[in-house]
Structure formats: C-alpha cells, structure tokens
Amino acid sequence: MDLLSKVADGEPQSPLEQELFEENRRLRRICQALMERVESAGTGRAPYGAFEHAVLLAEQVRERTDTLHRTLDELAETNTRLEDARREAEAANHSKTRFLAAVSHDLLQPLNAARLFTSALEELPLERNAGTLVTNIGRSLRDVEQLLGTLVDISRLDAGVLTPDVAPFAVAELLDALAEESWQMAQAKGLAFSYVASSAVVESDLALLARVIRNLVSNAVRYTDTGRVLLGCRRRAEGLEIVVADTGPGIPESRREEVFLEFRRGRDQVSRQSPGLGLGLAIVDRIARLLDHPLQLASQSGHGTLFALMLPYARAPVVEPAVTTVVPLRGSEYLKGACLWVLDNDASILDGMQALLCGWGCQVRVSTCAAELEQQLEEQREQQPAEAGSAWRGVLLIDYHLDAEDGDGLSLAERLIQRYPWVMPMLITANHDAEIKRRCRERGFPCVLKPVKPLRLRQALIHLLGEAGHDGP
C-alpha cells in the first residue's frame, strides 16, 4: 500500500504521513463547505446547473472581452490612419501656402515694377486719351494686386500660419494714409468722403488692420452709387471704435451672415462691373477674429451700411478726435531735392522706382548689389559739404530679399548705418512675415510692403524726412 493510500485510509505512521493526513482532512472540510454553499445558494437551480451556468457566463464574458479588445485595436488602427491622413493634409496645406507665398513673391516683383511705371506716368502731363488709358491700366493692376493678395491671405489664414505682430501705434499713422487713399477712390466715383481723425494710441497688427479697413472702405465705395462714405473713430470705454459707413443700398437682414462667407458678392450688377472673388469680407471677419477685435455690422436696406471695429487702447496718452476734411498731400513739392538711394536686385523695379521718385523731384541713385551701393555712399560722403554737418540726411530704400552674398536687407541696413550714420533705411519687401515687421519696429526702420503703393511710399518718405528735419542735400 502506497503512502497516499495509507493517509486516505487514516493510517498515519510517520510524522510526514501525519502531516499529509491533517492536510487531507483540511481540504475535505473546505470542499464540503464549498459544496454546501453552492447547494444553499438561492439560484433555483441544481448545484451542478448553477456551476455550469457560471462557467457559461464566464465564457461569454471572455468572448465579449476579446471582441471588445479587437474592436479597440481596430479603432486604434483607424485613429492612426486618420491621424496620418490629417498630418498629410496639414503638410499639403502648408506646402500649398508656401507655394502660394513663393509664387506671389515672384508675381509681385513684375507687378510692383508695373505699378511703379504706371504711377510715374499718372503724374506726367498727358493728353486726355493717354491719361485715361494710363488710369485704366493702373486700376487693372491694382485689381490684380488685390486679388493676388486676397488669395495669399486667405490661404495663410486657412493654414493657421498668419501670426499677428501686435504692437502699440498711433492710429493716425494708419488712418491718415488710408483716408487719403479713400478720398481719391470716392472722388473718382463722385462720392463725398468724410474722415474723423484721432490721435489715440492703440494696440494691433498695423498691416493686418490696414487690410481690414482698406477692404471695408473699398467695399463701401464700390457699392455706393450716390451719397457719401465715412471713415472715422469714436472713443468708447472699452476701446477705440473705427467706423466705416456708407449711404449705399444696405444689406438685407437675411444676408448679414452670408456676406462674411467666401465667394459671396453684392448686387449682381456690381458683380459684373467689379472684379473680385467675394473674399473681402471673409478676410475682414477672419482677421478681426485673429486679432480679437470685435466686428459689428448695422445696415438698413436702401439706407446704407455701417461696420464698426473695436480696438484696445495702448498704455499711452490719447487725444480726442477731430473732424477734418481730407485733401491730397502736396508731397511731391516737399520731396524735391531729397537724396535717395534704392537697392534692389530686380532691374525693372529699380527703373520703376527711379521714374517715380525722379518725378517727385528727388535725387535718386539705384544699385543692384551692396558693393555698388557702398561705392555710391562713399562718393556721397566725399561730396557732402562740410557745412551740412550731421544735420544732413538721406534715405535708403532697401529690398529685404537680396542676392545670397548680400544677405537680407535688414542686416545690410544695420551694417551700413554704422558706417554711414546720415543714411535712414526704409525696408521694402513682399514678405508679410510678422518677424520681419517686428525686427523693423525694434530698429526703428519704416517698412513698406510690395507692390509699393505710391501714396503710402510718399507719406512714409515725408514722415521720415520730416522727423530728420530735411532741408535738402
């Protein structure tokens, strides 16, 4: 008889047998207690049936758990594929934005030259028919510029790569120039134009804000056949309110949300006469949201439309606005004799700038590379009369994108003013990047965007030379 049999028969002999015998008795008691608990459970089933049911439930739970795990794995795989597709879409969107930016820069170069030549022609005494043709060419070029700029802006907004360069500035710095542009547009259409000026200091991105207000004023002039257009400021407790109002046909209440959508235009007859993609107000709305400037619309059919944009005040003293009458600046007379240097690696742009600036009476020297420019500045230093002293000033109009050996225009300008402190740089660029504008602001360099608007350039030159006390060379 083996050891286990002896233990089972209750015949323990050795200490080991005694230990096994006690363990066996303990296990039997546990088994008996479990059987009694199963039999006493109120399941209404026989003990074996209850056990079988429990095993079946456990199997169902296991199967459903496995199914759930497979589903979760499939969902994870699907999410991974969706994430990959999202990244690919974002990359494609950024690639499209970079492509549009590059293409727009290349297109803006000849467009900028054409605008400069046309502007120079517009200031010459021409026969009536020739003057009309030049005006029409200029208008067409402005339309091309606006369409191209609109497409690039909407693309950058969609891609989320448009970063605001928010800084404090006097609102008059922006609105005075826009008022004169608007006055000229309104006058060409036979409309009255009023401007409520302000010396308030606000915080915003000057270039993006200019795009918003220019679009609003352009729409007001375009859709108003008779009456007047208003550009003005109102002091509010929460900020400075910039208002653009007109006496046009108004916007029906049913269309007030629709006008901010892409590819929505106004009246059909205006659409046939005026170029555009219907993106102006869509850009206005998106930029206002990007800058966190609340935009309001009030309109009544047949009685005009009013747009109001709220800007935060900067921490600087402000002065109450005054109603003024806008008249064109006599900038050409003020700029007579001003000494200007122009650096750009595009010869056609240099020709256009020279024609425009010489038409204003400026003394202009152009160059296509830094070495040529420095040679001109050295010659000027040698020729500069001693009695002029440090009061004499000249302006350097320098493009941002130069040839590789010259670096970027900002870095070159910083180097040049160390050697030629009487030179005042003004950056000209087709790149709207916020970093470039920030660098210009930190260095105190004016920045003019391409295609160069002659009126904007003239006012920037007047402001720069006026600060320096320009008295001619």
Protein backbone atom coordinates (compact mmCIF):
# COMPACT_ATOMS: atom_id res chain seq x y z
CA MET A 1 0.00 0.00 0.00
CA ASP A 2 1.46 3.40 -1.05
CA LEU A 3 1.76 6.44 1.16
CA LEU A 4 -1.31 8.29 -0.19
CA SER A 5 -3.49 5.22 0.30
CA LYS A 6 -2.37 4.92 3.86
CA VAL A 7 -3.16 8.56 4.51
CA ALA A 8 -6.54 8.23 2.84
CA ASP A 9 -7.37 5.15 4.97
CA GLY A 10 -6.45 7.04 8.10
CA GLU A 11 -3.36 5.05 8.98
CA PRO A 12 -0.65 7.63 9.52
CA GLN A 13 2.69 6.11 10.64
CA SER A 14 5.46 8.66 10.31
CA PRO A 15 5.42 12.45 11.00
CA LEU A 16 5.19 13.08 7.24
CA GLU A 17 2.22 10.78 6.98
CA GLN A 18 0.64 12.53 9.92
CA GLU A 19 1.12 15.94 8.21
CA LEU A 20 -0.40 14.70 4.96
CA PHE A 21 -3.28 13.17 6.86
CA GLU A 22 -4.09 16.51 8.53
CA GLU A 23 -3.82 18.42 5.20
CA ASN A 24 -6.20 15.95 3.59
CA ARG A 25 -8.74 16.41 6.34
CA ARG A 26 -8.49 20.20 6.00
CA LEU A 27 -9.04 20.08 2.22
CA ARG A 28 -12.02 17.79 2.67
CA ARG A 29 -13.61 20.25 5.11
CA ILE A 30 -13.07 23.13 2.65
CA CYS A 31 -14.56 21.10 -0.20
CA GLN A 32 -17.55 20.15 1.92
CA ALA A 33 -18.14 23.79 2.91
CA LEU A 34 -18.00 24.88 -0.73
CA MET A 35 -20.48 22.21 -1.78
CA GLU A 36 -22.87 23.23 1.00
CA ARG A 37 -22.62 26.90 -0.04
CA VAL A 38 -23.35 26.09 -3.66
CA GLU A 39 -26.31 23.87 -2.69
CA SER A 40 -27.72 26.52 -0.35
CA ALA A 41 -27.45 29.37 -2.91
CA GLY A 42 -30.87 30.70 -3.87
CA THR A 43 -30.41 30.29 -7.62
CA GLY A 44 -33.38 27.96 -8.06
CA ARG A 45 -31.08 25.58 -9.94
CA ALA A 46 -29.35 22.34 -9.05
CA PRO A 47 -25.80 22.89 -7.82
CA TYR A 48 -24.23 21.48 -10.96
CA GLY A 49 -26.55 23.58 -13.13
CA ALA A 50 -25.57 26.72 -11.26
CA PHE A 51 -21.92 25.84 -11.72
CA GLU A 52 -22.47 25.17 -15.42
CA HIS A 53 -24.30 28.48 -15.79
CA ALA A 54 -21.46 30.33 -14.08
CA VAL A 55 -18.94 28.70 -16.43
CA LEU A 56 -21.10 29.70 -19.42
CA LEU A 57 -21.33 33.31 -18.22
CA ALA A 58 -17.57 33.42 -17.73
CA GLU A 59 -17.08 32.15 -21.28
CA GLN A 60 -19.46 34.78 -22.67
CA VAL A 61 -17.63 37.48 -20.74
CA ARG A 62 -14.32 36.25 -22.12
CA GLU A 63 -15.65 36.17 -25.71
CA ARG A 64 -17.14 39.65 -25.42
CA THR A 65 -13.95 40.95 -23.81
CA ASP A 66 -11.97 39.52 -26.72
CA THR A 67 -14.40 41.12 -29.16
CA LEU A 68 -14.08 44.45 -27.35
CA HIS A 69 -10.30 44.24 -27.46
CA ARG A 70 -10.40 43.51 -31.20
CA THR A 71 -12.75 46.46 -31.72
CA LEU A 72 -10.49 48.75 -29.68
CA ASP A 73 -7.49 47.57 -31.70
CA GLU A 74 -9.37 48.29 -34.93
CA LEU A 75 -10.38 51.73 -33.63
CA ALA A 76 -6.80 52.45 -32.65
CA GLU A 77 -5.64 51.43 -36.10
CA THR A 78 -8.35 53.59 -37.68
CA ASN A 79 -7.37 56.52 -35.49
CA THR A 80 -3.75 56.04 -36.50
CA ARG A 81 -4.74 56.09 -40.18
CA LEU A 82 -6.88 59.19 -39.61
CA GLU A 83 -4.03 60.92 -37.77
CA ASP A 84 -1.66 60.06 -40.60
CA ALA A 85 -4.18 61.43 -43.10
CA ARG A 86 -4.59 64.60 -41.01
CA ARG A 87 -0.84 65.14 -40.89
CA GLU A 88 -0.61 64.59 -44.64
CA ALA A 89 -3.44 67.08 -45.21
CA GLU A 90 -1.77 69.64 -42.94
CA ALA A 91 1.55 69.13 -44.72
CA ALA A 92 -0.18 69.56 -48.07
CA ASN A 93 -1.91 72.70 -46.79
CA HIS A 94 1.36 74.17 -45.53
CA SER A 95 3.02 73.20 -48.79
CA LYS A 96 0.25 74.96 -50.70
CA THR A 97 0.72 78.03 -48.50
CA ARG A 98 4.47 78.05 -49.07
CA PHE A 99 3.90 77.58 -52.79
CA LEU A 100 1.43 80.46 -52.92
CA ALA A 101 3.78 82.64 -50.90
CA ALA A 102 6.67 81.88 -53.26
CA VAL A 103 4.57 82.32 -56.37
CA SER A 104 3.05 85.54 -55.03
CA HIS A 105 6.53 86.92 -54.33
CA ASP A 106 7.64 86.14 -57.87
CA LEU A 107 4.44 87.61 -59.29
CA LEU A 108 4.63 90.69 -57.10
CA GLN A 109 8.05 91.62 -58.48
CA PRO A 110 6.91 92.42 -62.07
CA LEU A 111 3.58 93.66 -60.73
CA ASN A 112 5.42 96.04 -58.43
CA ALA A 113 7.50 97.33 -61.35
CA ALA A 114 4.38 97.81 -63.48
CA ARG A 115 2.65 99.73 -60.68
CA LEU A 116 5.68 102.00 -60.29
CA PHE A 117 5.87 102.76 -64.00
CA THR A 118 2.12 103.41 -64.17
CA SER A 119 2.23 105.69 -61.13
CA ALA A 120 5.10 107.64 -62.68
CA LEU A 121 3.07 108.04 -65.88
CA GLU A 122 -0.01 109.18 -63.97
CA GLU A 123 1.94 112.12 -62.58
CA LEU A 124 3.09 113.31 -66.00
CA PRO A 125 1.09 115.78 -68.11
CA LEU A 126 -0.50 113.52 -70.72
CA GLU A 127 -3.09 114.01 -73.41
CA ARG A 128 -6.60 113.26 -72.28
CA ASN A 129 -6.90 109.90 -74.04
CA ALA A 130 -3.45 108.81 -72.94
CA GLY A 131 -4.17 109.84 -69.36
CA THR A 132 -7.40 107.83 -69.38
CA LEU A 133 -5.58 104.77 -70.68
CA VAL A 134 -2.89 105.06 -68.01
CA THR A 135 -5.52 105.44 -65.29
CA ASN A 136 -7.31 102.32 -66.55
CA ILE A 137 -4.05 100.37 -66.59
CA GLY A 138 -3.32 101.46 -63.04
CA ARG A 139 -6.78 100.42 -61.92
CA SER A 140 -6.38 97.00 -63.54
CA LEU A 141 -3.01 96.49 -61.89
CA ARG A 142 -4.48 97.43 -58.53
CA ASP A 143 -7.23 94.87 -59.07
CA VAL A 144 -4.66 92.17 -59.88
CA GLU A 145 -2.72 93.11 -56.75
CA GLN A 146 -5.83 92.94 -54.61
CA LEU A 147 -6.88 89.55 -56.00
CA LEU A 148 -3.41 88.09 -55.55
CA GLY A 149 -3.06 89.47 -52.03
CA THR A 150 -6.51 88.16 -51.14
CA LEU A 151 -5.72 84.63 -52.31
CA VAL A 152 -2.46 84.56 -50.36
CA ASP A 153 -4.11 85.98 -47.23
CA ILE A 154 -6.98 83.51 -47.25
CA SER A 155 -4.54 80.64 -47.78
CA ARG A 156 -2.35 81.74 -44.86
CA LEU A 157 -5.41 82.18 -42.65
CA ASP A 158 -6.68 78.70 -43.54
CA ALA A 159 -3.28 77.17 -42.83
CA GLY A 160 -3.02 78.97 -39.49
CA VAL A 161 0.42 80.36 -40.33
CA LEU A 162 -0.53 84.03 -40.21
CA THR A 163 0.93 85.33 -36.95
CA PRO A 164 -0.10 88.82 -35.81
CA ASP A 165 2.62 91.32 -34.95
CA VAL A 166 0.74 93.21 -32.24
CA ALA A 167 2.35 96.45 -31.09
CA PRO A 168 1.23 99.92 -29.94
CA PHE A 169 0.98 102.65 -32.58
CA ALA A 170 -0.80 105.94 -33.15
CA VAL A 171 -3.95 105.15 -35.09
CA ALA A 172 -3.39 108.30 -37.17
CA GLU A 173 -0.27 106.62 -38.57
CA LEU A 174 -2.58 104.19 -40.33
CA LEU A 175 -5.82 106.08 -40.85
CA ASP A 176 -4.36 109.30 -42.27
CA ALA A 177 -2.85 107.39 -45.20
CA LEU A 178 -5.99 105.28 -45.68
CA ALA A 179 -8.12 108.41 -45.59
CA GLU A 180 -6.25 109.94 -48.48
CA GLU A 181 -6.49 106.70 -50.48
CA SER A 182 -10.21 106.56 -49.72
CA TRP A 183 -10.70 110.21 -50.62
CA GLN A 184 -9.18 109.57 -54.03
CA MET A 185 -11.33 106.47 -54.61
CA ALA A 186 -14.51 108.30 -53.56
CA GLN A 187 -13.65 111.35 -55.66
CA ALA A 188 -13.13 109.18 -58.74
CA LYS A 189 -16.69 107.88 -58.28
CA GLY A 190 -18.23 111.26 -57.47
CA LEU A 191 -18.86 110.45 -53.80
CA ALA A 192 -18.32 112.73 -50.81
CA PHE A 193 -15.84 111.45 -48.25
CA SER A 194 -15.54 112.36 -44.56
CA TYR A 195 -12.78 111.43 -42.16
CA VAL A 196 -12.96 111.63 -38.36
CA ALA A 197 -9.33 111.59 -37.26
CA SER A 198 -7.89 110.53 -33.92
CA SER A 199 -4.58 110.81 -32.11
CA ALA A 200 -5.35 107.78 -29.95
CA VAL A 201 -2.73 105.09 -29.46
CA VAL A 202 -3.95 101.52 -29.93
CA GLU A 203 -2.52 98.00 -29.92
CA SER A 204 -2.89 95.85 -33.02
CA ASP A 205 -1.07 94.50 -36.05
CA LEU A 206 -0.81 97.60 -38.23
CA ALA A 207 -0.50 95.74 -41.55
CA LEU A 208 -3.39 93.33 -40.88
CA LEU A 209 -5.56 96.14 -39.55
CA ALA A 210 -4.81 98.13 -42.70
CA ARG A 211 -6.02 95.18 -44.78
CA VAL A 212 -9.29 95.07 -42.81
CA ILE A 213 -10.06 98.79 -43.05
CA ARG A 214 -8.97 99.02 -46.69
CA ASN A 215 -11.34 96.18 -47.59
CA LEU A 216 -14.20 97.83 -45.72
CA VAL A 217 -13.65 101.21 -47.36
CA SER A 218 -13.18 99.64 -50.79
CA ASN A 219 -16.50 97.81 -50.41
CA ALA A 220 -18.22 100.98 -49.24
CA VAL A 221 -17.05 102.92 -52.30
CA ARG A 222 -17.74 100.04 -54.68
CA TYR A 223 -21.34 99.51 -53.59
CA THR A 224 -22.32 103.15 -53.13
CA ASP A 225 -23.58 104.92 -56.25
CA THR A 226 -24.52 108.27 -54.71
CA GLY A 227 -24.03 109.97 -51.37
CA ARG A 228 -21.04 109.68 -49.10
CA VAL A 229 -18.60 107.40 -47.34
CA LEU A 230 -17.31 107.89 -43.81
CA LEU A 231 -14.12 106.66 -42.14
CA GLY A 232 -13.83 107.68 -38.52
CA CYS A 233 -13.07 106.95 -34.89
CA ARG A 234 -15.21 107.07 -31.76
CA ARG A 235 -13.97 106.92 -28.20
CA ARG A 236 -15.58 104.11 -26.19
CA ALA A 237 -14.91 102.97 -22.65
CA GLU A 238 -13.76 99.55 -23.85
CA GLY A 239 -11.59 100.83 -26.69
CA LEU A 240 -11.35 102.90 -29.86
CA GLU A 241 -14.09 102.17 -32.36
CA ILE A 242 -13.16 102.50 -36.04
CA VAL A 243 -16.21 103.04 -38.20
CA VAL A 244 -16.70 102.69 -41.96
CA ALA A 245 -20.16 103.78 -43.13
CA ASP A 246 -21.80 104.48 -46.46
CA THR A 247 -25.14 105.55 -47.99
CA GLY A 248 -25.27 102.56 -50.31
CA PRO A 249 -28.06 100.03 -50.86
CA GLY A 250 -27.60 98.36 -47.48
CA ILE A 251 -27.58 94.65 -46.65
CA PRO A 252 -30.87 92.81 -46.02
CA GLU A 253 -31.09 91.20 -42.60
CA SER A 254 -31.35 87.76 -44.19
CA ARG A 255 -27.91 88.18 -45.79
CA ARG A 256 -25.92 89.71 -42.93
CA GLU A 257 -24.26 86.42 -42.00
CA GLU A 258 -23.89 85.31 -45.60
CA VAL A 259 -21.77 88.32 -46.63
CA PHE A 260 -18.93 87.09 -44.39
CA LEU A 261 -18.72 83.76 -46.24
CA GLU A 262 -16.25 83.11 -49.05
CA PHE A 263 -17.24 83.80 -52.65
CA ARG A 264 -20.26 85.93 -51.77
CA ARG A 265 -20.70 89.13 -53.72
CA GLY A 266 -23.09 92.05 -53.54
CA ARG A 267 -25.59 93.12 -56.14
CA ASP A 268 -25.43 91.30 -59.47
CA GLN A 269 -24.95 94.47 -61.49
CA VAL A 270 -21.98 95.44 -59.33
CA SER A 271 -20.54 91.95 -59.63
CA ARG A 272 -20.48 92.25 -63.40
CA GLN A 273 -18.70 95.58 -63.25
CA SER A 274 -16.26 94.99 -60.37
CA PRO A 275 -13.63 92.26 -60.30
CA GLY A 276 -13.19 90.14 -57.23
CA LEU A 277 -13.75 86.74 -55.70
CA GLY A 278 -16.10 87.78 -52.93
CA LEU A 279 -13.43 87.18 -50.29
CA GLY A 280 -13.08 90.73 -48.94
CA LEU A 281 -15.49 90.47 -46.02
CA ALA A 282 -14.47 86.87 -45.35
CA ILE A 283 -10.91 88.11 -44.81
CA VAL A 284 -12.18 91.04 -42.73
CA ASP A 285 -14.05 88.65 -40.43
CA ARG A 286 -11.16 86.19 -40.08
CA ILE A 287 -8.52 88.84 -39.42
CA ALA A 288 -10.80 90.56 -36.88
CA ARG A 289 -11.17 87.23 -35.07
CA LEU A 290 -7.43 86.57 -35.29
CA LEU A 291 -6.70 89.99 -33.75
CA ASP A 292 -9.55 89.63 -31.24
CA HIS A 293 -11.13 92.89 -32.44
CA PRO A 294 -14.95 92.65 -32.19
CA LEU A 295 -16.62 93.47 -35.52
CA GLN A 296 -20.20 94.76 -35.72
CA LEU A 297 -22.48 95.27 -38.70
CA ALA A 298 -25.50 97.57 -38.82
CA SER A 299 -27.45 98.09 -42.01
CA GLN A 300 -30.86 99.01 -43.40
CA SER A 301 -31.94 98.21 -46.93
CA GLY A 302 -31.85 101.34 -49.05
CA HIS A 303 -30.20 103.45 -46.32
CA GLY A 304 -26.61 102.29 -46.14
CA THR A 305 -24.30 100.09 -44.08
CA LEU A 306 -22.01 100.61 -41.08
CA PHE A 307 -19.13 98.41 -39.95
CA ALA A 308 -17.52 99.06 -36.55
CA LEU A 309 -14.26 97.53 -35.34
CA MET A 310 -13.23 97.80 -31.68
CA LEU A 311 -9.51 98.20 -30.88
CA PRO A 312 -7.90 98.12 -27.42
CA TYR A 313 -6.15 101.27 -26.23
CA ALA A 314 -2.43 101.17 -25.68
CA ARG A 315 -0.97 102.39 -22.41
CA ALA A 316 -0.21 105.88 -23.68
CA PRO A 317 -1.95 109.28 -23.62
CA VAL A 318 -4.68 109.82 -26.19
CA VAL A 319 -6.34 112.95 -27.51
CA GLU A 320 -9.95 113.46 -28.51
CA PRO A 321 -10.59 113.06 -32.28
CA ALA A 322 -11.40 115.99 -34.51
CA VAL A 323 -13.49 116.04 -37.69
CA THR A 324 -11.34 117.00 -40.63
CA THR A 325 -11.71 117.45 -44.37
CA VAL A 326 -9.38 115.24 -46.35
CA VAL A 327 -7.29 116.95 -49.03
CA PRO A 328 -4.46 115.40 -51.04
CA LEU A 329 -0.95 115.95 -49.71
CA ARG A 330 1.45 118.12 -51.67
CA GLY A 331 4.15 115.53 -51.04
CA SER A 332 5.87 115.90 -54.41
CA GLU A 333 6.76 119.50 -53.60
CA TYR A 334 8.10 118.59 -50.16
CA LEU A 335 10.30 115.83 -51.55
CA LYS A 336 12.04 118.00 -54.15
CA GLY A 337 15.77 117.73 -53.71
CA ALA A 338 15.62 114.79 -51.28
CA CYS A 339 18.54 112.41 -51.77
CA LEU A 340 17.51 108.78 -52.07
CA TRP A 341 19.32 105.50 -52.71
CA VAL A 342 17.46 102.42 -53.89
CA LEU A 343 18.83 98.87 -53.57
CA ASP A 344 17.00 96.01 -55.29
CA ASN A 345 18.27 93.02 -57.26
CA ASP A 346 15.47 93.44 -59.84
CA ALA A 347 16.46 95.91 -62.54
CA SER A 348 12.88 96.56 -63.66
CA ILE A 349 11.88 97.59 -60.14
CA LEU A 350 14.86 99.94 -59.97
CA ASP A 351 13.80 101.55 -63.24
CA GLY A 352 10.26 101.96 -61.94
CA MET A 353 11.38 103.41 -58.61
CA GLN A 354 13.72 105.82 -60.34
CA ALA A 355 10.99 107.02 -62.69
CA LEU A 356 8.53 107.54 -59.83
CA LEU A 357 10.93 109.21 -57.37
CA CYS A 358 12.53 111.45 -60.00
CA GLY A 359 9.01 112.54 -60.93
CA TRP A 360 8.67 113.78 -57.34
CA GLY A 361 11.83 115.84 -57.72
CA CYS A 362 14.10 113.52 -55.72
CA GLN A 363 17.77 112.92 -56.45
CA VAL A 364 17.87 109.17 -56.94
CA ARG A 365 20.69 106.67 -57.27
CA VAL A 366 19.95 102.97 -57.78
CA SER A 367 22.05 99.84 -57.36
CA THR A 368 21.57 96.10 -57.74
CA CYS A 369 24.14 94.93 -55.16
CA ALA A 370 25.60 96.01 -51.84
CA ALA A 371 29.07 96.70 -53.28
CA GLU A 372 27.66 99.16 -55.80
CA LEU A 373 25.58 100.85 -53.13
CA GLU A 374 28.55 101.26 -50.77
CA GLN A 375 30.57 102.81 -53.57
CA GLN A 376 27.77 105.35 -54.11
CA LEU A 377 27.61 106.12 -50.39
CA GLU A 378 31.38 106.62 -50.26
CA GLU A 379 31.13 109.06 -53.14
CA GLN A 380 28.34 110.91 -51.35
CA ARG A 381 30.41 111.18 -48.16
CA GLU A 382 33.27 112.71 -50.12
CA GLN A 383 30.95 115.15 -51.90
CA GLN A 384 28.91 116.08 -48.84
CA PRO A 385 29.54 119.75 -47.95
CA ALA A 386 31.27 120.23 -44.62
CA GLU A 387 28.82 122.90 -43.53
CA ALA A 388 25.95 120.37 -43.74
CA GLY A 389 27.40 118.61 -40.71
CA SER A 390 25.41 115.87 -39.03
CA ALA A 391 22.07 117.54 -39.83
CA TRP A 392 22.08 116.31 -43.41
CA ARG A 393 20.08 113.15 -44.08
CA GLY A 394 19.38 110.81 -46.98
CA VAL A 395 17.04 107.82 -47.29
CA LEU A 396 18.00 104.29 -48.31
CA LEU A 397 15.15 102.26 -49.80
CA ILE A 398 16.38 98.68 -49.46
CA ASP A 399 14.71 95.45 -50.53
CA TYR A 400 14.58 92.62 -47.98
CA HIS A 401 15.29 89.73 -50.39
CA LEU A 402 18.70 90.37 -51.92
CA ASP A 403 21.27 88.13 -53.54
CA ALA A 404 22.80 85.49 -51.27
CA GLU A 405 26.15 87.24 -50.93
CA ASP A 406 24.48 90.44 -49.67
CA GLY A 407 22.32 88.74 -47.03
CA ASP A 408 18.92 90.16 -46.11
CA GLY A 409 18.13 93.85 -46.40
CA LEU A 410 17.66 94.41 -42.67
CA SER A 411 21.06 93.04 -41.72
CA LEU A 412 22.70 95.01 -44.51
CA ALA A 413 20.94 98.22 -43.45
CA GLU A 414 22.14 97.76 -39.87
CA ARG A 415 25.71 97.40 -41.09
CA LEU A 416 25.51 100.41 -43.40
CA ILE A 417 24.18 102.86 -40.83
CA GLN A 418 27.15 102.08 -38.61
CA ARG A 419 29.44 103.42 -41.31
CA TYR A 420 27.09 106.00 -42.80
CA PRO A 421 25.04 107.37 -39.89
CA TRP A 422 23.41 110.03 -42.07
CA VAL A 423 21.53 107.31 -44.01
CA MET A 424 17.97 106.50 -42.87
CA PRO A 425 16.90 102.99 -44.01
CA MET A 426 13.41 102.11 -45.19
CA LEU A 427 12.73 98.43 -45.86
CA ILE A 428 10.67 97.41 -48.89
CA THR A 429 9.50 93.80 -49.07
CA ALA A 430 6.88 91.46 -50.46
CA ASN A 431 7.27 89.26 -47.37
CA HIS A 432 4.46 89.90 -44.86
CA ASP A 433 6.06 87.78 -42.13
CA ALA A 434 5.45 89.16 -38.64
CA GLU A 435 9.09 88.55 -37.65
CA ILE A 436 10.32 90.96 -40.32
CA LYS A 437 7.90 93.64 -39.18
CA ARG A 438 8.96 93.10 -35.57
CA ARG A 439 12.62 93.46 -36.45
CA CYS A 440 11.91 96.66 -38.38
CA ARG A 441 9.94 98.10 -35.48
CA GLU A 442 12.66 97.27 -32.96
CA ARG A 443 15.24 99.06 -35.10
CA GLY A 444 13.00 101.99 -35.93
CA PHE A 445 13.06 101.27 -39.68
CA PRO A 446 9.87 102.03 -41.66
CA CYS A 447 8.59 99.03 -43.63
CA VAL A 448 6.69 99.37 -46.92
CA LEU A 449 5.11 96.28 -48.48
CA LYS A 450 5.20 95.38 -52.16
CA PRO A 451 3.57 96.12 -54.51
CA VAL A 452 4.57 99.60 -53.40
CA LYS A 453 1.64 101.98 -53.15
CA PRO A 454 2.99 105.38 -54.31
CA LEU A 455 0.83 107.30 -51.86
CA ARG A 456 1.98 105.14 -48.94
CA LEU A 457 5.61 105.46 -50.04
CA ARG A 458 5.36 109.23 -50.43
CA GLN A 459 3.84 109.69 -46.99
CA ALA A 460 6.44 107.40 -45.41
CA LEU A 461 9.22 109.44 -47.01
CA ILE A 462 7.65 112.74 -45.90
CA HIS A 463 7.31 111.41 -42.34
CA LEU A 464 10.88 110.09 -42.26
CA LEU A 465 12.47 113.19 -43.72
CA GLY A 466 10.25 115.44 -41.59
CA GLU A 467 11.47 113.73 -38.41
CA ALA A 468 15.05 114.25 -39.57
CA GLY A 469 14.47 117.93 -40.36
CA HIS A 470 15.14 117.53 -44.07
CA ASP A 471 16.32 120.70 -45.77
CA GLY A 472 17.59 119.19 -48.99
CA PRO A 473 21.10 118.00 -49.83
